[in-house]
Amino acid sequence: MNIPAELKYTKDHEWVKIDGDIATVGITDFAQGELGDIVYVEVDTLDETLDREAIFGTVEAVKTVSDLFSPLSGEIVEFNEALEDEPEQVNSDPYGAGWMVKIKFTNEDEINDLLSADAYKEIIGG
């Protein structure tokens, strides 16, 4: 199981990469494995400002649809449009080409509430 140490995580199985005031967000290797083959990623919150834990989109796999929760409060400033044509990138490269959105976050203190790689491993029994 791939859980990069330099990223932050949520209990909802999302990863967060902080770069200045921008957070890149996707789902973890564990999550994509649990979902199975991903066939569609929908994000209809582009340019909207959301509170932490608000739903920013959905990911659809062959057998299920799962909500995506914003790990930080802020504006959804970018959606990975490549996923419209190749949603399977979430399966093949969840921490790279499979990223989902970029958030311009507004409350830096919320970063402290995110999980470390070790804390996330504990949640998933790793």
N, C-alpha and C. Protein backbone atom coordinates (compact mmCIF):
# COMPACT_ATOMS: atom_id res chain seq x y z
N MET A 1 0.84 -1.19 0.00
CA MET A 1 0.00 0.00 0.00
C MET A 1 0.88 1.25 0.00
N ASN A 2 0.60 2.14 -0.91
CA ASN A 2 1.39 3.35 -1.06
C ASN A 2 0.77 4.49 -0.26
N ILE A 3 1.48 4.98 0.77
CA ILE A 3 1.02 6.10 1.59
C ILE A 3 2.19 7.07 1.73
N PRO A 4 2.36 7.97 0.75
CA PRO A 4 3.51 8.89 0.79
C PRO A 4 3.56 9.70 2.09
N ALA A 5 4.73 9.72 2.71
CA ALA A 5 4.92 10.39 4.01
C ALA A 5 4.78 11.90 3.92
N GLU A 6 5.04 12.49 2.74
CA GLU A 6 5.03 13.95 2.64
C GLU A 6 3.62 14.53 2.50
N LEU A 7 2.62 13.67 2.34
CA LEU A 7 1.25 14.15 2.19
C LEU A 7 0.51 14.11 3.52
N LYS A 8 -0.62 14.81 3.56
CA LYS A 8 -1.55 14.77 4.69
C LYS A 8 -2.76 13.96 4.24
N TYR A 9 -3.54 13.47 5.20
CA TYR A 9 -4.67 12.59 4.88
C TYR A 9 -5.89 12.93 5.71
N THR A 10 -7.06 12.44 5.24
CA THR A 10 -8.30 12.62 5.99
C THR A 10 -8.86 11.24 6.34
N LYS A 11 -9.75 11.22 7.31
CA LYS A 11 -10.42 9.97 7.68
C LYS A 11 -11.33 9.49 6.55
N ASP A 12 -11.63 10.38 5.60
CA ASP A 12 -12.47 10.04 4.44
C ASP A 12 -11.64 9.52 3.27
N HIS A 13 -10.37 9.19 3.52
CA HIS A 13 -9.48 8.57 2.54
C HIS A 13 -9.09 9.50 1.39
N GLU A 14 -8.89 10.77 1.71
CA GLU A 14 -8.37 11.71 0.74
C GLU A 14 -6.96 12.11 1.16
N TRP A 15 -6.14 12.41 0.16
CA TRP A 15 -4.81 12.92 0.44
C TRP A 15 -4.78 14.40 0.10
N VAL A 16 -3.86 15.11 0.76
CA VAL A 16 -3.75 16.55 0.58
C VAL A 16 -2.27 16.91 0.47
N LYS A 17 -1.94 17.65 -0.58
CA LYS A 17 -0.57 18.16 -0.74
C LYS A 17 -0.65 19.67 -0.63
N ILE A 18 0.05 20.23 0.34
CA ILE A 18 0.04 21.67 0.59
C ILE A 18 1.19 22.33 -0.16
N ASP A 19 0.88 23.37 -0.93
CA ASP A 19 1.91 24.14 -1.64
C ASP A 19 1.51 25.62 -1.55
N GLY A 20 2.10 26.33 -0.60
CA GLY A 20 1.70 27.72 -0.36
C GLY A 20 0.30 27.74 0.21
N ASP A 21 -0.62 28.45 -0.48
CA ASP A 21 -2.01 28.48 -0.02
C ASP A 21 -2.92 27.62 -0.90
N ILE A 22 -2.30 26.70 -1.65
CA ILE A 22 -3.05 25.79 -2.51
C ILE A 22 -2.89 24.35 -1.99
N ALA A 23 -4.02 23.67 -1.90
CA ALA A 23 -4.02 22.25 -1.51
C ALA A 23 -4.50 21.43 -2.69
N THR A 24 -3.67 20.50 -3.14
CA THR A 24 -4.07 19.55 -4.17
C THR A 24 -4.66 18.35 -3.46
N VAL A 25 -5.80 17.86 -3.96
CA VAL A 25 -6.56 16.81 -3.28
C VAL A 25 -6.89 15.67 -4.23
N GLY A 26 -6.79 14.45 -3.71
CA GLY A 26 -7.21 13.27 -4.45
C GLY A 26 -7.62 12.20 -3.46
N ILE A 27 -7.93 11.01 -3.95
CA ILE A 27 -8.24 9.92 -3.03
C ILE A 27 -7.02 9.01 -2.92
N THR A 28 -6.92 8.34 -1.79
CA THR A 28 -5.74 7.54 -1.50
C THR A 28 -5.71 6.24 -2.31
N ASP A 29 -4.54 5.63 -2.31
CA ASP A 29 -4.36 4.33 -2.94
C ASP A 29 -5.32 3.31 -2.31
N PHE A 30 -5.47 3.38 -0.99
CA PHE A 30 -6.40 2.49 -0.28
C PHE A 30 -7.82 2.69 -0.81
N ALA A 31 -8.25 3.94 -0.92
CA ALA A 31 -9.62 4.25 -1.37
C ALA A 31 -9.87 3.75 -2.78
N GLN A 32 -8.94 4.02 -3.69
CA GLN A 32 -9.17 3.58 -5.07
C GLN A 32 -9.22 2.06 -5.15
N GLY A 33 -8.43 1.39 -4.30
CA GLY A 33 -8.45 -0.07 -4.27
C GLY A 33 -9.77 -0.61 -3.76
N GLU A 34 -10.33 0.06 -2.74
CA GLU A 34 -11.62 -0.35 -2.18
C GLU A 34 -12.76 -0.10 -3.18
N LEU A 35 -12.67 1.01 -3.92
CA LEU A 35 -13.73 1.35 -4.88
C LEU A 35 -13.71 0.45 -6.10
N GLY A 36 -12.52 0.05 -6.52
CA GLY A 36 -12.40 -0.74 -7.74
C GLY A 36 -12.25 0.18 -8.95
N ASP A 37 -12.63 -0.31 -10.12
CA ASP A 37 -12.43 0.44 -11.36
C ASP A 37 -13.27 1.71 -11.38
N ILE A 38 -12.60 2.85 -11.42
CA ILE A 38 -13.28 4.14 -11.42
C ILE A 38 -13.65 4.51 -12.86
N VAL A 39 -14.93 4.83 -13.04
CA VAL A 39 -15.43 5.10 -14.38
C VAL A 39 -15.81 6.57 -14.60
N TYR A 40 -15.94 7.34 -13.51
CA TYR A 40 -16.36 8.73 -13.66
C TYR A 40 -16.01 9.53 -12.41
N VAL A 41 -15.51 10.75 -12.62
CA VAL A 41 -15.27 11.68 -11.52
C VAL A 41 -16.05 12.94 -11.84
N GLU A 42 -16.91 13.35 -10.91
CA GLU A 42 -17.72 14.55 -11.13
C GLU A 42 -17.39 15.58 -10.06
N VAL A 43 -17.04 16.77 -10.52
CA VAL A 43 -16.81 17.91 -9.63
C VAL A 43 -17.58 19.08 -10.22
N ASP A 44 -18.65 19.47 -9.55
CA ASP A 44 -19.47 20.58 -10.06
C ASP A 44 -19.37 21.80 -9.14
N THR A 45 -18.29 21.86 -8.36
CA THR A 45 -18.10 22.95 -7.40
C THR A 45 -16.96 23.89 -7.79
N LEU A 46 -16.47 23.81 -9.03
CA LEU A 46 -15.38 24.67 -9.47
C LEU A 46 -15.77 26.14 -9.26
N ASP A 47 -14.85 26.92 -8.73
CA ASP A 47 -15.04 28.34 -8.43
C ASP A 47 -15.99 28.61 -7.26
N GLU A 48 -16.37 27.57 -6.54
CA GLU A 48 -17.20 27.75 -5.35
C GLU A 48 -16.32 27.69 -4.11
N THR A 49 -16.75 28.40 -3.07
CA THR A 49 -16.07 28.35 -1.78
C THR A 49 -16.84 27.42 -0.86
N LEU A 50 -16.14 26.43 -0.33
CA LEU A 50 -16.77 25.40 0.49
C LEU A 50 -16.17 25.39 1.89
N ASP A 51 -16.98 24.94 2.84
CA ASP A 51 -16.48 24.69 4.18
C ASP A 51 -15.79 23.34 4.21
N ARG A 52 -14.89 23.17 5.19
CA ARG A 52 -14.25 21.87 5.37
C ARG A 52 -15.34 20.81 5.56
N GLU A 53 -15.13 19.66 4.96
CA GLU A 53 -16.00 18.49 5.01
C GLU A 53 -17.27 18.63 4.18
N ALA A 54 -17.42 19.73 3.42
CA ALA A 54 -18.53 19.84 2.48
C ALA A 54 -18.22 18.94 1.28
N ILE A 55 -19.25 18.45 0.63
CA ILE A 55 -19.06 17.58 -0.55
C ILE A 55 -18.64 18.45 -1.74
N PHE A 56 -17.51 18.10 -2.37
CA PHE A 56 -17.07 18.85 -3.54
C PHE A 56 -17.30 18.10 -4.84
N GLY A 57 -17.65 16.83 -4.76
CA GLY A 57 -17.89 16.04 -5.97
C GLY A 57 -18.15 14.60 -5.61
N THR A 58 -18.17 13.76 -6.65
CA THR A 58 -18.36 12.33 -6.46
C THR A 58 -17.40 11.56 -7.36
N VAL A 59 -17.12 10.35 -6.93
CA VAL A 59 -16.33 9.43 -7.75
C VAL A 59 -17.21 8.19 -7.94
N GLU A 60 -17.32 7.77 -9.20
CA GLU A 60 -18.17 6.63 -9.52
C GLU A 60 -17.31 5.46 -9.97
N ALA A 61 -17.52 4.34 -9.30
CA ALA A 61 -16.85 3.10 -9.69
C ALA A 61 -17.90 2.18 -10.30
N VAL A 62 -17.48 1.03 -10.76
CA VAL A 62 -18.41 0.12 -11.43
C VAL A 62 -19.60 -0.22 -10.54
N LYS A 63 -19.37 -0.42 -9.24
CA LYS A 63 -20.43 -0.89 -8.36
C LYS A 63 -20.94 0.13 -7.35
N THR A 64 -20.35 1.33 -7.29
CA THR A 64 -20.75 2.27 -6.24
C THR A 64 -20.42 3.71 -6.63
N VAL A 65 -21.06 4.64 -5.94
CA VAL A 65 -20.74 6.06 -6.06
C VAL A 65 -20.37 6.55 -4.67
N SER A 66 -19.30 7.31 -4.59
CA SER A 66 -18.82 7.79 -3.29
C SER A 66 -18.66 9.31 -3.33
N ASP A 67 -19.10 9.98 -2.25
CA ASP A 67 -18.92 11.43 -2.16
C ASP A 67 -17.47 11.77 -1.87
N LEU A 68 -17.07 12.94 -2.32
CA LEU A 68 -15.74 13.48 -2.06
C LEU A 68 -15.90 14.69 -1.14
N PHE A 69 -15.16 14.71 -0.04
CA PHE A 69 -15.31 15.75 0.97
C PHE A 69 -14.10 16.67 0.97
N SER A 70 -14.37 17.97 1.04
CA SER A 70 -13.29 18.95 1.07
C SER A 70 -12.51 18.83 2.38
N PRO A 71 -11.21 18.61 2.30
CA PRO A 71 -10.41 18.47 3.53
C PRO A 71 -10.13 19.80 4.22
N LEU A 72 -10.29 20.90 3.49
CA LEU A 72 -10.02 22.24 4.01
C LEU A 72 -11.07 23.21 3.49
N SER A 73 -11.34 24.27 4.25
CA SER A 73 -12.23 25.32 3.78
C SER A 73 -11.51 26.16 2.73
N GLY A 74 -12.24 26.52 1.67
CA GLY A 74 -11.64 27.36 0.65
C GLY A 74 -12.34 27.23 -0.68
N GLU A 75 -11.74 27.86 -1.69
CA GLU A 75 -12.32 27.89 -3.04
C GLU A 75 -11.72 26.79 -3.91
N ILE A 76 -12.59 26.07 -4.60
CA ILE A 76 -12.14 25.07 -5.57
C ILE A 76 -11.67 25.85 -6.80
N VAL A 77 -10.36 25.92 -7.01
CA VAL A 77 -9.82 26.76 -8.08
C VAL A 77 -9.44 25.99 -9.34
N GLU A 78 -9.37 24.67 -9.23
CA GLU A 78 -9.00 23.88 -10.41
C GLU A 78 -9.53 22.47 -10.27
N PHE A 79 -9.98 21.92 -11.40
CA PHE A 79 -10.41 20.52 -11.50
C PHE A 79 -9.50 19.84 -12.51
N ASN A 80 -9.09 18.63 -12.22
CA ASN A 80 -8.23 17.88 -13.14
C ASN A 80 -9.09 17.38 -14.31
N GLU A 81 -9.16 18.19 -15.36
CA GLU A 81 -10.04 17.89 -16.49
C GLU A 81 -9.62 16.62 -17.23
N ALA A 82 -8.39 16.18 -17.08
CA ALA A 82 -7.95 14.94 -17.72
C ALA A 82 -8.79 13.75 -17.25
N LEU A 83 -9.35 13.87 -16.04
CA LEU A 83 -10.15 12.77 -15.50
C LEU A 83 -11.49 12.61 -16.22
N GLU A 84 -11.92 13.64 -16.95
CA GLU A 84 -13.15 13.52 -17.72
C GLU A 84 -13.02 12.44 -18.78
N ASP A 85 -11.85 12.37 -19.42
CA ASP A 85 -11.61 11.38 -20.46
C ASP A 85 -10.92 10.12 -19.94
N GLU A 86 -10.17 10.26 -18.84
CA GLU A 86 -9.41 9.13 -18.31
C GLU A 86 -9.57 9.01 -16.80
N PRO A 87 -10.78 8.69 -16.33
CA PRO A 87 -10.98 8.57 -14.88
C PRO A 87 -10.17 7.44 -14.26
N GLU A 88 -9.72 6.49 -15.09
CA GLU A 88 -8.93 5.37 -14.59
C GLU A 88 -7.56 5.81 -14.06
N GLN A 89 -7.17 7.07 -14.34
CA GLN A 89 -5.91 7.58 -13.77
C GLN A 89 -5.97 7.62 -12.25
N VAL A 90 -7.18 7.72 -11.69
CA VAL A 90 -7.33 7.69 -10.24
C VAL A 90 -6.88 6.32 -9.71
N ASN A 91 -7.15 5.26 -10.48
CA ASN A 91 -6.71 3.92 -10.10
C ASN A 91 -5.21 3.72 -10.35
N SER A 92 -4.74 4.16 -11.50
CA SER A 92 -3.36 3.85 -11.89
C SER A 92 -2.33 4.77 -11.24
N ASP A 93 -2.71 5.99 -10.91
CA ASP A 93 -1.75 6.95 -10.37
C ASP A 93 -2.47 7.91 -9.40
N PRO A 94 -2.98 7.38 -8.26
CA PRO A 94 -3.82 8.20 -7.38
C PRO A 94 -3.12 9.43 -6.81
N TYR A 95 -1.80 9.38 -6.64
CA TYR A 95 -1.07 10.51 -6.05
C TYR A 95 -0.42 11.42 -7.10
N GLY A 96 -0.59 11.08 -8.35
CA GLY A 96 0.01 11.87 -9.43
C GLY A 96 -1.06 12.34 -10.39
N ALA A 97 -1.12 11.70 -11.56
CA ALA A 97 -2.07 12.11 -12.61
C ALA A 97 -3.53 11.99 -12.18
N GLY A 98 -3.79 11.24 -11.11
CA GLY A 98 -5.16 11.05 -10.65
C GLY A 98 -5.65 12.06 -9.63
N TRP A 99 -4.91 13.16 -9.42
CA TRP A 99 -5.39 14.20 -8.50
C TRP A 99 -6.73 14.72 -9.00
N MET A 100 -7.53 15.28 -8.09
CA MET A 100 -8.89 15.69 -8.46
C MET A 100 -9.11 17.19 -8.49
N VAL A 101 -8.81 17.88 -7.40
CA VAL A 101 -9.04 19.33 -7.36
C VAL A 101 -7.90 20.05 -6.66
N LYS A 102 -7.85 21.36 -6.88
CA LYS A 102 -6.96 22.24 -6.13
C LYS A 102 -7.84 23.25 -5.40
N ILE A 103 -7.53 23.43 -4.12
CA ILE A 103 -8.30 24.31 -3.26
C ILE A 103 -7.40 25.44 -2.78
N LYS A 104 -7.86 26.68 -2.95
CA LYS A 104 -7.17 27.82 -2.34
C LYS A 104 -7.78 27.93 -0.95
N PHE A 105 -7.04 27.40 0.04
CA PHE A 105 -7.64 27.30 1.37
C PHE A 105 -7.56 28.62 2.12
N THR A 106 -8.51 28.78 3.06
CA THR A 106 -8.67 30.06 3.75
C THR A 106 -8.36 29.97 5.24
N ASN A 107 -8.18 28.77 5.76
CA ASN A 107 -7.91 28.62 7.20
C ASN A 107 -6.73 27.68 7.39
N GLU A 108 -5.55 28.25 7.53
CA GLU A 108 -4.33 27.46 7.65
C GLU A 108 -4.35 26.54 8.88
N ASP A 109 -5.08 26.93 9.92
CA ASP A 109 -5.15 26.11 11.14
C ASP A 109 -5.76 24.73 10.87
N GLU A 110 -6.62 24.63 9.85
CA GLU A 110 -7.26 23.34 9.54
C GLU A 110 -6.24 22.29 9.11
N ILE A 111 -5.10 22.71 8.61
CA ILE A 111 -4.06 21.77 8.20
C ILE A 111 -3.64 20.90 9.39
N ASN A 112 -3.62 21.50 10.58
CA ASN A 112 -3.23 20.76 11.78
C ASN A 112 -4.18 19.62 12.11
N ASP A 113 -5.41 19.67 11.58
CA ASP A 113 -6.39 18.62 11.83
C ASP A 113 -6.27 17.44 10.87
N LEU A 114 -5.45 17.60 9.83
CA LEU A 114 -5.24 16.51 8.88
C LEU A 114 -4.33 15.46 9.49
N LEU A 115 -4.42 14.26 8.97
CA LEU A 115 -3.66 13.13 9.50
C LEU A 115 -2.28 13.01 8.85
N SER A 116 -1.31 12.57 9.62
CA SER A 116 0.00 12.22 9.06
C SER A 116 -0.14 10.87 8.37
N ALA A 117 0.87 10.49 7.60
CA ALA A 117 0.87 9.18 6.94
C ALA A 117 0.74 8.06 7.98
N ASP A 118 1.46 8.17 9.10
CA ASP A 118 1.40 7.14 10.14
C ASP A 118 0.01 7.04 10.77
N ALA A 119 -0.61 8.20 11.03
CA ALA A 119 -1.96 8.20 11.62
C ALA A 119 -2.96 7.60 10.64
N TYR A 120 -2.79 7.90 9.34
CA TYR A 120 -3.70 7.33 8.34
C TYR A 120 -3.52 5.81 8.25
N LYS A 121 -2.26 5.36 8.31
CA LYS A 121 -2.00 3.90 8.29
C LYS A 121 -2.74 3.21 9.42
N GLU A 122 -2.77 3.83 10.60
CA GLU A 122 -3.47 3.25 11.74
C GLU A 122 -4.97 3.11 11.45
N ILE A 123 -5.55 4.12 10.81
CA ILE A 123 -6.98 4.10 10.50
C ILE A 123 -7.32 2.94 9.57
N ILE A 124 -6.48 2.70 8.59
CA ILE A 124 -6.80 1.65 7.60
C ILE A 124 -6.21 0.30 8.00
N GLY A 125 -5.60 0.25 9.16
CA GLY A 125 -5.05 -1.00 9.65
C GLY A 125 -3.76 -1.41 8.98
N GLY A 126 -2.97 -0.38 8.56
CA GLY A 126 -1.74 -0.65 7.82
C GLY A 126 -0.54 -0.85 8.70
